[in-house]
Amino acid sequence: MAETDIFLDSNITVYLLEKDPKRRDLVASFILNTRFVVSTQVISENVNVCLRKLKLSKTESFAHGRFLMDTFRMSYITDTTISLAFQISEQYGFAYYDSLILATALENECPIIYSEDMQHNQTIMDRLTIINPFKELGI
């Protein structure tokens, strides 16, 4: 098990529902070997993708949300998180919702965030590095 927690962006956890086994199995395999943190935003975004994009039933979508809640350490968004997200968005130019994800990772003292959508190997506030786990594995 890792000594520190890694934050998971929504675009990584949604691969747990992927029909193509390559990324789904990869994500599932590293989930078992590392401590991860997700936020209420990540869970909500995953449920939304399940309902709208994947067209899953509410039962299936909510089961996925519950799985995330039961499997990972969950972090809640506060007014402090939102203020930090404003600062990150202004300082680094990220969209607000990406900044909110980054702010939550920083508040949870995660040194790494796994994300497929943000710039690989970029460091935020000298404390958080964005890693695309698929690039790291050559996928």
Protein backbone atom coordinates (compact mmCIF):
# COMPACT_ATOMS: atom_id res chain seq x y z
CA MET A 1 0.00 0.00 0.00
CA ALA A 2 1.23 3.50 -0.80
CA GLU A 3 2.46 5.70 2.03
CA THR A 4 0.44 8.67 0.80
CA ASP A 5 -2.96 9.04 -0.76
CA ILE A 6 -3.48 9.76 -4.45
CA PHE A 7 -6.47 11.77 -5.60
CA LEU A 8 -8.58 10.34 -8.45
CA ASP A 9 -10.21 12.60 -11.03
CA SER A 10 -13.64 11.67 -12.36
CA ASN A 11 -12.26 10.72 -15.76
CA ILE A 12 -10.23 7.90 -14.17
CA THR A 13 -12.94 6.37 -11.98
CA VAL A 14 -15.44 6.25 -14.84
CA TYR A 15 -13.17 3.70 -16.57
CA LEU A 16 -14.35 1.18 -13.99
CA LEU A 17 -17.49 1.01 -16.15
CA GLU A 18 -15.65 0.76 -19.47
CA LYS A 19 -16.70 -2.09 -21.77
CA ASP A 20 -13.18 -2.30 -23.27
CA PRO A 21 -11.25 -4.35 -20.73
CA LYS A 22 -7.83 -2.75 -21.32
CA ARG A 23 -8.35 0.47 -19.36
CA ARG A 24 -11.08 -0.93 -17.10
CA ASP A 25 -8.85 -3.75 -15.90
CA LEU A 26 -5.87 -1.42 -15.57
CA VAL A 27 -7.81 1.01 -13.38
CA ALA A 28 -9.27 -1.86 -11.36
CA SER A 29 -5.81 -3.37 -10.81
CA PHE A 30 -4.17 -0.24 -9.42
CA ILE A 31 -7.15 0.55 -7.21
CA LEU A 32 -6.36 -2.55 -5.18
CA ASN A 33 -2.77 -1.53 -4.48
CA THR A 34 -2.96 2.15 -3.57
CA ARG A 35 -4.88 4.42 -1.22
CA PHE A 36 -7.06 6.86 -3.12
CA VAL A 37 -9.16 9.89 -2.31
CA VAL A 38 -12.22 11.06 -4.22
CA SER A 39 -14.43 14.05 -3.58
CA THR A 40 -18.16 14.48 -3.54
CA GLN A 41 -17.66 16.17 -6.92
CA VAL A 42 -16.02 13.04 -8.38
CA ILE A 43 -18.87 10.86 -7.18
CA SER A 44 -21.50 13.24 -8.54
CA GLU A 45 -19.75 13.56 -11.90
CA ASN A 46 -19.50 9.77 -12.19
CA VAL A 47 -23.18 9.29 -11.44
CA ASN A 48 -24.02 11.98 -14.00
CA VAL A 49 -21.91 10.23 -16.68
CA CYS A 50 -23.60 6.94 -15.84
CA LEU A 51 -27.07 8.43 -16.24
CA ARG A 52 -26.54 10.75 -19.22
CA LYS A 53 -23.68 9.40 -21.31
CA LEU A 54 -23.71 5.68 -20.53
CA LYS A 55 -27.52 5.59 -20.21
CA LEU A 56 -27.38 3.29 -17.20
CA SER A 57 -30.38 2.90 -14.96
CA LYS A 58 -30.59 4.84 -11.72
CA THR A 59 -30.03 1.60 -9.84
CA GLU A 60 -26.79 0.90 -11.76
CA SER A 61 -25.64 4.52 -11.62
CA PHE A 62 -26.25 4.86 -7.90
CA ALA A 63 -24.59 1.49 -7.25
CA HIS A 64 -21.46 2.83 -8.97
CA GLY A 65 -21.63 5.97 -6.81
CA ARG A 66 -21.99 3.85 -3.67
CA PHE A 67 -19.05 1.69 -4.78
CA LEU A 68 -16.87 4.80 -5.04
CA MET A 69 -18.04 5.97 -1.61
CA ASP A 70 -17.33 2.58 -0.06
CA THR A 71 -13.99 1.97 -1.78
CA PHE A 72 -12.18 5.30 -1.48
CA ARG A 73 -11.64 7.89 1.20
CA MET A 74 -14.17 10.61 0.47
CA SER A 75 -13.53 14.32 0.80
CA TYR A 76 -16.16 17.01 1.07
CA ILE A 77 -16.10 20.36 -0.69
CA THR A 78 -16.26 23.36 1.63
CA ASP A 79 -16.16 27.12 1.26
CA THR A 80 -12.40 26.93 1.78
CA THR A 81 -12.13 24.44 -1.09
CA ILE A 82 -14.08 26.77 -3.36
CA SER A 83 -11.88 29.75 -2.46
CA LEU A 84 -8.75 27.72 -3.21
CA ALA A 85 -10.30 26.64 -6.53
CA PHE A 86 -10.78 30.31 -7.45
CA GLN A 87 -7.11 30.95 -6.71
CA ILE A 88 -5.94 27.92 -8.74
CA SER A 89 -8.14 28.85 -11.69
CA GLU A 90 -6.78 32.40 -11.73
CA GLN A 91 -3.16 31.41 -11.15
CA TYR A 92 -2.93 28.41 -13.49
CA GLY A 93 -5.74 29.03 -15.97
CA PHE A 94 -7.67 25.82 -15.29
CA ALA A 95 -11.42 25.68 -15.75
CA TYR A 96 -13.33 26.12 -12.49
CA TYR A 97 -14.39 22.47 -12.05
CA ASP A 98 -10.85 21.22 -12.74
CA SER A 99 -9.60 23.77 -10.22
CA LEU A 100 -12.10 22.46 -7.69
CA ILE A 101 -10.74 18.93 -8.16
CA LEU A 102 -7.18 20.23 -7.73
CA ALA A 103 -8.13 22.25 -4.65
CA THR A 104 -9.69 19.20 -3.04
CA ALA A 105 -6.57 17.15 -3.74
CA LEU A 106 -4.40 19.86 -2.19
CA GLU A 107 -6.60 20.12 0.90
CA ASN A 108 -6.24 16.38 1.39
CA GLU A 109 -2.46 16.65 1.14
CA CYS A 110 -2.31 14.34 -1.85
CA PRO A 111 1.03 14.75 -3.65
CA ILE A 112 -0.40 13.20 -6.85
CA ILE A 113 -3.65 13.42 -8.75
CA TYR A 114 -4.45 10.91 -11.46
CA SER A 115 -6.22 12.67 -14.31
CA GLU A 116 -6.49 12.03 -18.00
CA ASP A 117 -7.66 15.54 -18.92
CA MET A 118 -5.10 17.85 -17.33
CA GLN A 119 -1.48 18.46 -18.36
CA HIS A 120 0.67 15.44 -17.50
CA ASN A 121 3.50 16.13 -15.02
CA GLN A 122 2.36 19.68 -14.24
CA THR A 123 2.92 20.69 -10.62
CA ILE A 124 0.39 22.85 -8.77
CA MET A 125 1.48 25.05 -5.86
CA ASP A 126 4.71 23.04 -5.52
CA ARG A 127 2.74 20.29 -3.75
CA LEU A 128 0.57 18.44 -6.27
CA THR A 129 1.63 16.74 -9.49
CA ILE A 130 -0.84 15.80 -12.20
CA ILE A 131 -0.16 12.33 -13.55
CA ASN A 132 -1.94 10.64 -16.44
CA PRO A 133 -1.59 6.98 -15.37
CA PHE A 134 -2.19 5.81 -18.94
CA LYS A 135 0.76 7.87 -20.26
CA GLU A 136 2.91 6.53 -17.44
CA LEU A 137 2.10 3.00 -18.64
CA GLY A 138 2.42 3.82 -22.33
CA ILE A 139 -1.27 3.37 -23.14
